Amino acid sequence: MQSVSDILKKFNPLKDKYLYREYQAFGVYLAQKLTDTQHKSLYIKLAKTVPRSVLQEALRFVSDSNAKKKGALFMWKLKELGVYGQSKKKIHDL
C-alpha cells in the first residue's frame, strides 16, 4: 500500500496536471491496478465517497485473484462488503 507521501513524491505536475486532490490520485491508482482506465472517473468517485479501508480490502481481494475483468470483480466485492444499498451515513460508519 502506498502512503500519501509516496504518492506525492511520484507526482509529476506535467503528467498529472489534472489531479488536485489525494482521492483523485488514489482513484487513478485503483484504475491502473485494476487495468480499467476507461472507468477512471468511477474509481475517483469511489475514492471520494467510500472509506479507504473498504477500497483497500476489495483491491487486496482482486489482486490475489486471476480474474480477466478485475474491475467487475472489484465492484462485486464492494457489493459483498455492503457498500451499495446503504445510505451515505452508514457507509461512513464502516
PDB file of N, CA and C in Angstrom:
ATOM      1  N   MET A   1       0.838  -1.177   0.000  1.00  0.00           N
ATOM      2  CA  MET A   1       0.000   0.000   0.000  1.00  0.00           C
ATOM      3  C   MET A   1       0.885   1.243   0.000  1.00  0.00           C
ATOM      4  N   GLN A   2       0.477   2.241  -0.732  1.00  0.00           N
ATOM      5  CA  GLN A   2       1.230   3.482  -0.809  1.00  0.00           C
ATOM      6  C   GLN A   2       0.667   4.491   0.176  1.00  0.00           C
ATOM      7  N   SER A   3       1.563   5.217   0.781  1.00  0.00           N
ATOM      8  CA  SER A   3       1.109   6.289   1.661  1.00  0.00           C
ATOM      9  C   SER A   3       0.954   7.569   0.837  1.00  0.00           C
ATOM     10  N   VAL A   4       0.388   8.558   1.471  1.00  0.00           N
ATOM     11  CA  VAL A   4       0.173   9.835   0.788  1.00  0.00           C
ATOM     12  C   VAL A   4       1.511  10.450   0.393  1.00  0.00           C
ATOM     13  N   SER A   5       2.506  10.330   1.255  1.00  0.00           N
ATOM     14  CA  SER A   5       3.814  10.915   0.939  1.00  0.00           C
ATOM     15  C   SER A   5       4.453  10.223  -0.264  1.00  0.00           C
ATOM     16  N   ASP A   6       4.255   8.900  -0.392  1.00  0.00           N
ATOM     17  CA  ASP A   6       4.793   8.189  -1.553  1.00  0.00           C
ATOM     18  C   ASP A   6       4.121   8.649  -2.845  1.00  0.00           C
ATOM     19  N   ILE A   7       2.817   8.845  -2.778  1.00  0.00           N
ATOM     20  CA  ILE A   7       2.083   9.305  -3.960  1.00  0.00           C
ATOM     21  C   ILE A   7       2.539  10.700  -4.352  1.00  0.00           C
ATOM     22  N   LEU A   8       2.725  11.558  -3.355  1.00  0.00           N
ATOM     23  CA  LEU A   8       3.147  12.926  -3.654  1.00  0.00           C
ATOM     24  C   LEU A   8       4.579  12.985  -4.173  1.00  0.00           C
ATOM     25  N   LYS A   9       5.439  12.066  -3.739  1.00  0.00           N
ATOM     26  CA  LYS A   9       6.810  12.030  -4.255  1.00  0.00           C
ATOM     27  C   LYS A   9       6.825  11.658  -5.734  1.00  0.00           C
ATOM     28  N   LYS A  10       5.911  10.779  -6.128  1.00  0.00           N
ATOM     29  CA  LYS A  10       5.846  10.341  -7.519  1.00  0.00           C
ATOM     30  C   LYS A  10       5.033  11.287  -8.396  1.00  0.00           C
ATOM     31  N   PHE A  11       4.455  12.306  -7.804  1.00  0.00           N
ATOM     32  CA  PHE A  11       3.608  13.243  -8.535  1.00  0.00           C
ATOM     33  C   PHE A  11       4.432  14.024  -9.548  1.00  0.00           C
ATOM     34  N   ASN A  12       4.026  13.969 -10.794  1.00  0.00           N
ATOM     35  CA  ASN A  12       4.672  14.699 -11.872  1.00  0.00           C
ATOM     36  C   ASN A  12       3.686  15.765 -12.349  1.00  0.00           C
ATOM     37  N   PRO A  13       3.956  17.060 -12.103  1.00  0.00           N
ATOM     38  CA  PRO A  13       2.978  18.089 -12.442  1.00  0.00           C
ATOM     39  C   PRO A  13       2.667  18.195 -13.936  1.00  0.00           C
ATOM     40  N   LEU A  14       3.565  17.758 -14.787  1.00  0.00           N
ATOM     41  CA  LEU A  14       3.286  17.813 -16.220  1.00  0.00           C
ATOM     42  C   LEU A  14       2.391  16.658 -16.655  1.00  0.00           C
ATOM     43  N   LYS A  15       2.645  15.480 -16.114  1.00  0.00           N
ATOM     44  CA  LYS A  15       1.866  14.306 -16.476  1.00  0.00           C
ATOM     45  C   LYS A  15       0.537  14.264 -15.719  1.00  0.00           C
ATOM     46  N   ASP A  16       0.558  14.613 -14.452  1.00  0.00           N
ATOM     47  CA  ASP A  16      -0.616  14.525 -13.586  1.00  0.00           C
ATOM     48  C   ASP A  16      -1.230  15.891 -13.335  1.00  0.00           C
ATOM     49  N   LYS A  17      -1.335  16.699 -14.353  1.00  0.00           N
ATOM     50  CA  LYS A  17      -1.761  18.079 -14.139  1.00  0.00           C
ATOM     51  C   LYS A  17      -3.230  18.216 -13.768  1.00  0.00           C
ATOM     52  N   TYR A  18      -4.032  17.173 -13.963  1.00  0.00           N
ATOM     53  CA  TYR A  18      -5.450  17.270 -13.636  1.00  0.00           C
ATOM     54  C   TYR A  18      -5.788  16.656 -12.279  1.00  0.00           C
ATOM     55  N   LEU A  19      -4.792  16.180 -11.562  1.00  0.00           N
ATOM     56  CA  LEU A  19      -5.019  15.601 -10.241  1.00  0.00           C
ATOM     57  C   LEU A  19      -4.704  16.651  -9.190  1.00  0.00           C
ATOM     58  N   TYR A  20      -5.735  17.095  -8.488  1.00  0.00           N
ATOM     59  CA  TYR A  20      -5.548  18.148  -7.497  1.00  0.00           C
ATOM     60  C   TYR A  20      -5.672  17.637  -6.070  1.00  0.00           C
ATOM     61  N   ARG A  21      -6.402  16.603  -5.861  1.00  0.00           N
ATOM     62  CA  ARG A  21      -6.653  16.097  -4.518  1.00  0.00           C
ATOM     63  C   ARG A  21      -6.097  14.680  -4.381  1.00  0.00           C
ATOM     64  N   GLU A  22      -5.896  14.276  -3.142  1.00  0.00           N
ATOM     65  CA  GLU A  22      -5.331  12.960  -2.873  1.00  0.00           C
ATOM     66  C   GLU A  22      -6.274  11.847  -3.311  1.00  0.00           C
ATOM     67  N   TYR A  23      -7.579  12.018  -3.117  1.00  0.00           N
ATOM     68  CA  TYR A  23      -8.521  10.967  -3.508  1.00  0.00           C
ATOM     69  C   TYR A  23      -8.531  10.768  -5.022  1.00  0.00           C
ATOM     70  N   GLN A  24      -8.230  11.824  -5.783  1.00  0.00           N
ATOM     71  CA  GLN A  24      -8.151  11.676  -7.234  1.00  0.00           C
ATOM     72  C   GLN A  24      -6.964  10.789  -7.609  1.00  0.00           C
ATOM     73  N   ALA A  25      -5.844  10.995  -6.930  1.00  0.00           N
ATOM     74  CA  ALA A  25      -4.664  10.174  -7.190  1.00  0.00           C
ATOM     75  C   ALA A  25      -4.934   8.719  -6.816  1.00  0.00           C
ATOM     76  N   PHE A  26      -5.647   8.506  -5.713  1.00  0.00           N
ATOM     77  CA  PHE A  26      -5.959   7.136  -5.315  1.00  0.00           C
ATOM     78  C   PHE A  26      -6.940   6.491  -6.293  1.00  0.00           C
ATOM     79  N   GLY A  27      -7.880   7.252  -6.813  1.00  0.00           N
ATOM     80  CA  GLY A  27      -8.808   6.725  -7.810  1.00  0.00           C
ATOM     81  C   GLY A  27      -8.101   6.307  -9.087  1.00  0.00           C
ATOM     82  N   VAL A  28      -7.148   7.103  -9.521  1.00  0.00           N
ATOM     83  CA  VAL A  28      -6.356   6.756 -10.706  1.00  0.00           C
ATOM     84  C   VAL A  28      -5.499   5.525 -10.411  1.00  0.00           C
ATOM     85  N   TYR A  29      -4.961   5.445  -9.198  1.00  0.00           N
ATOM     86  CA  TYR A  29      -4.178   4.280  -8.774  1.00  0.00           C
ATOM     87  C   TYR A  29      -5.037   3.012  -8.833  1.00  0.00           C
ATOM     88  N   LEU A  30      -6.278   3.106  -8.355  1.00  0.00           N
ATOM     89  CA  LEU A  30      -7.189   1.961  -8.419  1.00  0.00           C
ATOM     90  C   LEU A  30      -7.434   1.542  -9.866  1.00  0.00           C
ATOM     91  N   ALA A  31      -7.694   2.504 -10.730  1.00  0.00           N
ATOM     92  CA  ALA A  31      -7.957   2.206 -12.140  1.00  0.00           C
ATOM     93  C   ALA A  31      -6.760   1.519 -12.788  1.00  0.00           C
ATOM     94  N   GLN A  32      -5.562   1.938 -12.443  1.00  0.00           N
ATOM     95  CA  GLN A  32      -4.369   1.328 -13.013  1.00  0.00           C
ATOM     96  C   GLN A  32      -4.150  -0.080 -12.473  1.00  0.00           C
ATOM     97  N   LYS A  33      -4.349  -0.273 -11.177  1.00  0.00           N
ATOM     98  CA  LYS A  33      -4.164  -1.601 -10.583  1.00  0.00           C
ATOM     99  C   LYS A  33      -5.196  -2.595 -11.112  1.00  0.00           C
ATOM    100  N   LEU A  34      -6.382  -2.103 -11.426  1.00  0.00           N
ATOM    101  CA  LEU A  34      -7.442  -2.973 -11.927  1.00  0.00           C
ATOM    102  C   LEU A  34      -7.428  -3.076 -13.450  1.00  0.00           C
ATOM    103  N   THR A  35      -6.485  -2.410 -14.090  1.00  0.00           N
ATOM    104  CA  THR A  35      -6.374  -2.331 -15.557  1.00  0.00           C
ATOM    105  C   THR A  35      -7.719  -1.972 -16.186  1.00  0.00           C
ATOM    106  N   ASP A  36      -8.314  -0.917 -15.641  1.00  0.00           N
ATOM    107  CA  ASP A  36      -9.629  -0.458 -16.094  1.00  0.00           C
ATOM    108  C   ASP A  36      -9.617   1.070 -16.173  1.00  0.00           C
ATOM    109  N   THR A  37      -8.727   1.609 -16.999  1.00  0.00           N
ATOM    110  CA  THR A  37      -8.585   3.063 -17.072  1.00  0.00           C
ATOM    111  C   THR A  37      -9.760   3.734 -17.774  1.00  0.00           C
ATOM    112  N   GLN A  38     -10.599   2.960 -18.448  1.00  0.00           N
ATOM    113  CA  GLN A  38     -11.783   3.550 -19.082  1.00  0.00           C
ATOM    114  C   GLN A  38     -12.765   4.076 -18.045  1.00  0.00           C
ATOM    115  N   HIS A  39     -12.764   3.490 -16.864  1.00  0.00           N
ATOM    116  CA  HIS A  39     -13.693   3.878 -15.805  1.00  0.00           C
ATOM    117  C   HIS A  39     -12.982   4.631 -14.682  1.00  0.00           C
ATOM    118  N   LYS A  40     -12.008   5.425 -15.056  1.00  0.00           N
ATOM    119  CA  LYS A  40     -11.215   6.175 -14.088  1.00  0.00           C
ATOM    120  C   LYS A  40     -12.080   7.076 -13.212  1.00  0.00           C
ATOM    121  N   SER A  41     -13.064   7.722 -13.798  1.00  0.00           N
ATOM    122  CA  SER A  41     -13.911   8.641 -13.031  1.00  0.00           C
ATOM    123  C   SER A  41     -14.736   7.898 -11.982  1.00  0.00           C
ATOM    124  N   LEU A  42     -15.133   6.670 -12.267  1.00  0.00           N
ATOM    125  CA  LEU A  42     -15.862   5.864 -11.290  1.00  0.00           C
ATOM    126  C   LEU A  42     -14.995   5.600 -10.067  1.00  0.00           C
ATOM    127  N   TYR A  43     -13.740   5.247 -10.287  1.00  0.00           N
ATOM    128  CA  TYR A  43     -12.845   4.946  -9.171  1.00  0.00           C
ATOM    129  C   TYR A  43     -12.498   6.201  -8.379  1.00  0.00           C
ATOM    130  N   ILE A  44     -12.425   7.344  -9.044  1.00  0.00           N
ATOM    131  CA  ILE A  44     -12.202   8.605  -8.330  1.00  0.00           C
ATOM    132  C   ILE A  44     -13.401   8.907  -7.445  1.00  0.00           C
ATOM    133  N   LYS A  45     -14.599   8.689  -7.962  1.00  0.00           N
ATOM    134  CA  LYS A  45     -15.816   8.908  -7.169  1.00  0.00           C
ATOM    135  C   LYS A  45     -15.857   7.962  -5.969  1.00  0.00           C
ATOM    136  N   LEU A  46     -15.481   6.706  -6.186  1.00  0.00           N
ATOM    137  CA  LEU A  46     -15.445   5.755  -5.074  1.00  0.00           C
ATOM    138  C   LEU A  46     -14.409   6.161  -4.037  1.00  0.00           C
ATOM    139  N   ALA A  47     -13.245   6.633  -4.496  1.00  0.00           N
ATOM    140  CA  ALA A  47     -12.199   7.052  -3.564  1.00  0.00           C
ATOM    141  C   ALA A  47     -12.640   8.251  -2.746  1.00  0.00           C
ATOM    142  N   LYS A  48     -13.537   9.039  -3.294  1.00  0.00           N
ATOM    143  CA  LYS A  48     -14.027  10.219  -2.575  1.00  0.00           C
ATOM    144  C   LYS A  48     -15.098   9.851  -1.547  1.00  0.00           C
ATOM    145  N   THR A  49     -15.950   8.889  -1.862  1.00  0.00           N
ATOM    146  CA  THR A  49     -17.118   8.635  -1.020  1.00  0.00           C
ATOM    147  C   THR A  49     -17.009   7.408  -0.122  1.00  0.00           C
ATOM    148  N   VAL A  50     -16.245   6.410  -0.521  1.00  0.00           N
ATOM    149  CA  VAL A  50     -16.164   5.160   0.240  1.00  0.00           C
ATOM    150  C   VAL A  50     -14.900   5.195   1.102  1.00  0.00           C
ATOM    151  N   PRO A  51     -14.973   4.701   2.332  1.00  0.00           N
ATOM    152  CA  PRO A  51     -13.784   4.688   3.193  1.00  0.00           C
ATOM    153  C   PRO A  51     -12.623   3.922   2.558  1.00  0.00           C
ATOM    154  N   ARG A  52     -11.440   4.431   2.762  1.00  0.00           N
ATOM    155  CA  ARG A  52     -10.235   3.871   2.145  1.00  0.00           C
ATOM    156  C   ARG A  52     -10.018   2.410   2.538  1.00  0.00           C
ATOM    157  N   SER A  53     -10.303   2.061   3.779  1.00  0.00           N
ATOM    158  CA  SER A  53     -10.074   0.688   4.242  1.00  0.00           C
ATOM    159  C   SER A  53     -10.931  -0.316   3.468  1.00  0.00           C
ATOM    160  N   VAL A  54     -12.143   0.057   3.132  1.00  0.00           N
ATOM    161  CA  VAL A  54     -13.032  -0.823   2.369  1.00  0.00           C
ATOM    162  C   VAL A  54     -12.495  -0.998   0.953  1.00  0.00           C
ATOM    163  N   LEU A  55     -12.050   0.090   0.347  1.00  0.00           N
ATOM    164  CA  LEU A  55     -11.497   0.010  -1.012  1.00  0.00           C
ATOM    165  C   LEU A  55     -10.229  -0.837  -1.042  1.00  0.00           C
ATOM    166  N   GLN A  56      -9.396  -0.684  -0.031  1.00  0.00           N
ATOM    167  CA  GLN A  56      -8.153  -1.454   0.007  1.00  0.00           C
ATOM    168  C   GLN A  56      -8.419  -2.939   0.226  1.00  0.00           C
ATOM    169  N   GLU A  57      -9.425  -3.246   1.018  1.00  0.00           N
ATOM    170  CA  GLU A  57      -9.773  -4.654   1.227  1.00  0.00           C
ATOM    171  C   GLU A  57     -10.266  -5.283  -0.069  1.00  0.00           C
ATOM    172  N   ALA A  58     -11.107  -4.573  -0.806  1.00  0.00           N
ATOM    173  CA  ALA A  58     -11.601  -5.081  -2.090  1.00  0.00           C
ATOM    174  C   ALA A  58     -10.458  -5.199  -3.097  1.00  0.00           C
ATOM    175  N   LEU A  59      -9.539  -4.240  -3.089  1.00  0.00           N
ATOM    176  CA  LEU A  59      -8.394  -4.287  -4.002  1.00  0.00           C
ATOM    177  C   LEU A  59      -7.492  -5.472  -3.676  1.00  0.00           C
ATOM    178  N   ARG A  60      -7.280  -5.747  -2.389  1.00  0.00           N
ATOM    179  CA  ARG A  60      -6.482  -6.903  -1.982  1.00  0.00           C
ATOM    180  C   ARG A  60      -7.118  -8.200  -2.475  1.00  0.00           C
ATOM    181  N   PHE A  61      -8.431  -8.281  -2.358  1.00  0.00           N
ATOM    182  CA  PHE A  61      -9.148  -9.469  -2.818  1.00  0.00           C
ATOM    183  C   PHE A  61      -8.959  -9.666  -4.317  1.00  0.00           C
ATOM    184  N   VAL A  62      -9.070  -8.603  -5.077  1.00  0.00           N
ATOM    185  CA  VAL A  62      -8.964  -8.689  -6.536  1.00  0.00           C
ATOM    186  C   VAL A  62      -7.534  -8.978  -6.969  1.00  0.00           C
ATOM    187  N   SER A  63      -6.564  -8.374  -6.304  1.00  0.00           N
ATOM    188  CA  SER A  63      -5.171  -8.569  -6.712  1.00  0.00           C
ATOM    189  C   SER A  63      -4.705  -9.998  -6.451  1.00  0.00           C
ATOM    190  N   ASP A  64      -5.347 -10.701  -5.517  1.00  0.00           N
ATOM    191  CA  ASP A  64      -4.998 -12.096  -5.252  1.00  0.00           C
ATOM    192  C   ASP A  64      -5.614 -13.058  -6.258  1.00  0.00           C
ATOM    193  N   SER A  65      -6.576 -12.599  -7.040  1.00  0.00           N
ATOM    194  CA  SER A  65      -7.252 -13.472  -7.998  1.00  0.00           C
ATOM    195  C   SER A  65      -6.618 -13.348  -9.381  1.00  0.00           C
ATOM    196  N   ASN A  66      -7.003 -14.258 -10.244  1.00  0.00           N
ATOM    197  CA  ASN A  66      -6.526 -14.240 -11.634  1.00  0.00           C
ATOM    198  C   ASN A  66      -7.669 -13.909 -12.584  1.00  0.00           C
ATOM    199  N   ALA A  67      -8.511 -12.991 -12.199  1.00  0.00           N
ATOM    200  CA  ALA A  67      -9.692 -12.647 -12.990  1.00  0.00           C
ATOM    201  C   ALA A  67      -9.302 -11.873 -14.246  1.00  0.00           C
ATOM    202  N   LYS A  68     -10.077 -12.072 -15.300  1.00  0.00           N
ATOM    203  CA  LYS A  68      -9.858 -11.321 -16.533  1.00  0.00           C
ATOM    204  C   LYS A  68     -10.408  -9.910 -16.401  1.00  0.00           C
ATOM    205  N   LYS A  69     -11.575  -9.794 -15.771  1.00  0.00           N
ATOM    206  CA  LYS A  69     -12.211  -8.490 -15.580  1.00  0.00           C
ATOM    207  C   LYS A  69     -12.088  -8.103 -14.112  1.00  0.00           C
ATOM    208  N   LYS A  70     -10.974  -7.502 -13.780  1.00  0.00           N
ATOM    209  CA  LYS A  70     -10.717  -7.154 -12.385  1.00  0.00           C
ATOM    210  C   LYS A  70     -11.642  -6.052 -11.893  1.00  0.00           C
ATOM    211  N   GLY A  71     -12.033  -5.148 -12.778  1.00  0.00           N
ATOM    212  CA  GLY A  71     -12.947  -4.080 -12.388  1.00  0.00           C
ATOM    213  C   GLY A  71     -14.301  -4.622 -11.963  1.00  0.00           C
ATOM    214  N   ALA A  72     -14.799  -5.606 -12.692  1.00  0.00           N
ATOM    215  CA  ALA A  72     -16.088  -6.211 -12.353  1.00  0.00           C
ATOM    216  C   ALA A  72     -16.001  -6.962 -11.030  1.00  0.00           C
ATOM    217  N   LEU A  73     -14.906  -7.665 -10.812  1.00  0.00           N
ATOM    218  CA  LEU A  73     -14.716  -8.382  -9.553  1.00  0.00           C
ATOM    219  C   LEU A  73     -14.592  -7.409  -8.382  1.00  0.00           C
ATOM    220  N   PHE A  74     -13.939  -6.286  -8.614  1.00  0.00           N
ATOM    221  CA  PHE A  74     -13.800  -5.252  -7.582  1.00  0.00           C
ATOM    222  C   PHE A  74     -15.169  -4.705  -7.187  1.00  0.00           C
ATOM    223  N   MET A  75     -16.005  -4.409  -8.170  1.00  0.00           N
ATOM    224  CA  MET A  75     -17.340  -3.890  -7.881  1.00  0.00           C
ATOM    225  C   MET A  75     -18.194  -4.944  -7.180  1.00  0.00           C
ATOM    226  N   TRP A  76     -18.042  -6.211  -7.550  1.00  0.00           N
ATOM    227  CA  TRP A  76     -18.774  -7.281  -6.879  1.00  0.00           C
ATOM    228  C   TRP A  76     -18.363  -7.369  -5.416  1.00  0.00           C
ATOM    229  N   LYS A  77     -17.050  -7.260  -5.162  1.00  0.00           N
ATOM    230  CA  LYS A  77     -16.566  -7.345  -3.782  1.00  0.00           C
ATOM    231  C   LYS A  77     -17.075  -6.166  -2.961  1.00  0.00           C
ATOM    232  N   LEU A  78     -17.145  -4.988  -3.551  1.00  0.00           N
ATOM    233  CA  LEU A  78     -17.712  -3.846  -2.831  1.00  0.00           C
ATOM    234  C   LEU A  78     -19.172  -4.104  -2.480  1.00  0.00           C
ATOM    235  N   LYS A  79     -19.888  -4.738  -3.386  1.00  0.00           N
ATOM    236  CA  LYS A  79     -21.285  -5.075  -3.105  1.00  0.00           C
ATOM    237  C   LYS A  79     -21.366  -6.099  -1.977  1.00  0.00           C
ATOM    238  N   GLU A  80     -20.475  -7.083  -1.978  1.00  0.00           N
ATOM    239  CA  GLU A  80     -20.445  -8.084  -0.916  1.00  0.00           C
ATOM    240  C   GLU A  80     -20.090  -7.463   0.435  1.00  0.00           C
ATOM    241  N   LEU A  81     -19.246  -6.454   0.419  1.00  0.00           N
ATOM    242  CA  LEU A  81     -18.859  -5.778   1.659  1.00  0.00           C
ATOM    243  C   LEU A  81     -19.958  -4.859   2.166  1.00  0.00           C
ATOM    244  N   GLY A  82     -20.988  -4.659   1.363  1.00  0.00           N
ATOM    245  CA  GLY A  82     -22.136  -3.884   1.805  1.00  0.00           C
ATOM    246  C   GLY A  82     -22.039  -2.402   1.544  1.00  0.00           C
ATOM    247  N   VAL A  83     -21.237  -1.997   0.577  1.00  0.00           N
ATOM    248  CA  VAL A  83     -21.100  -0.573   0.268  1.00  0.00           C
ATOM    249  C   VAL A  83     -22.332  -0.070  -0.465  1.00  0.00           C
ATOM    250  N   TYR A  84     -22.873  -0.890  -1.378  1.00  0.00           N
ATOM    251  CA  TYR A  84     -24.044  -0.473  -2.137  1.00  0.00           C
ATOM    252  C   TYR A  84     -25.307  -0.907  -1.423  1.00  0.00           C
ATOM    253  N   GLY A  85     -26.343  -0.110  -1.567  1.00  0.00           N
ATOM    254  CA  GLY A  85     -27.607  -0.400  -0.923  1.00  0.00           C
ATOM    255  C   GLY A  85     -27.710   0.194   0.471  1.00  0.00           C
ATOM    256  N   GLN A  86     -26.727   0.997   0.863  1.00  0.00           N
ATOM    257  CA  GLN A  86     -26.743   1.659   2.163  1.00  0.00           C
ATOM    258  C   GLN A  86     -26.779   3.160   1.947  1.00  0.00           C
ATOM    259  N   SER A  87     -27.210   3.855   2.952  1.00  0.00           N
ATOM    260  CA  SER A  87     -27.172   5.310   2.864  1.00  0.00           C
ATOM    261  C   SER A  87     -25.744   5.780   3.087  1.00  0.00           C
ATOM    262  N   LYS A  88     -25.462   7.023   2.714  1.00  0.00           N
ATOM    263  CA  LYS A  88     -24.116   7.559   2.875  1.00  0.00           C
ATOM    264  C   LYS A  88     -23.705   7.609   4.342  1.00  0.00           C
ATOM    265  N   LYS A  89     -24.660   7.820   5.228  1.00  0.00           N
ATOM    266  CA  LYS A  89     -24.349   7.880   6.653  1.00  0.00           C
ATOM    267  C   LYS A  89     -23.803   6.539   7.131  1.00  0.00           C
ATOM    268  N   LYS A  90     -24.408   5.444   6.679  1.00  0.00           N
ATOM    269  CA  LYS A  90     -23.954   4.122   7.087  1.00  0.00           C
ATOM    270  C   LYS A  90     -22.600   3.786   6.484  1.00  0.00           C
ATOM    271  N   ILE A  91     -22.327   4.240   5.267  1.00  0.00           N
ATOM    272  CA  ILE A  91     -21.050   3.964   4.623  1.00  0.00           C
ATOM    273  C   ILE A  91     -19.914   4.586   5.420  1.00  0.00           C
ATOM    274  N   HIS A  92     -20.099   5.794   5.906  1.00  0.00           N
ATOM    275  CA  HIS A  92     -19.033   6.459   6.642  1.00  0.00           C
ATOM    276  C   HIS A  92     -18.838   5.871   8.031  1.00  0.00           C
ATOM    277  N   ASP A  93     -19.778   5.070   8.506  1.00  0.00           N
ATOM    278  CA  ASP A  93     -19.631   4.420   9.798  1.00  0.00           C
ATOM    279  C   ASP A  93     -18.813   3.143   9.709  1.00  0.00           C
ATOM    280  N   LEU A  94     -18.510   2.665   8.478  1.00  0.00           N
ATOM    281  CA  LEU A  94     -17.750   1.428   8.321  1.00  0.00           C
ATOM    282  C   LEU A  94     -16.406   1.584   8.852  1.00  0.00           C
TER     283      LEU A  94
END
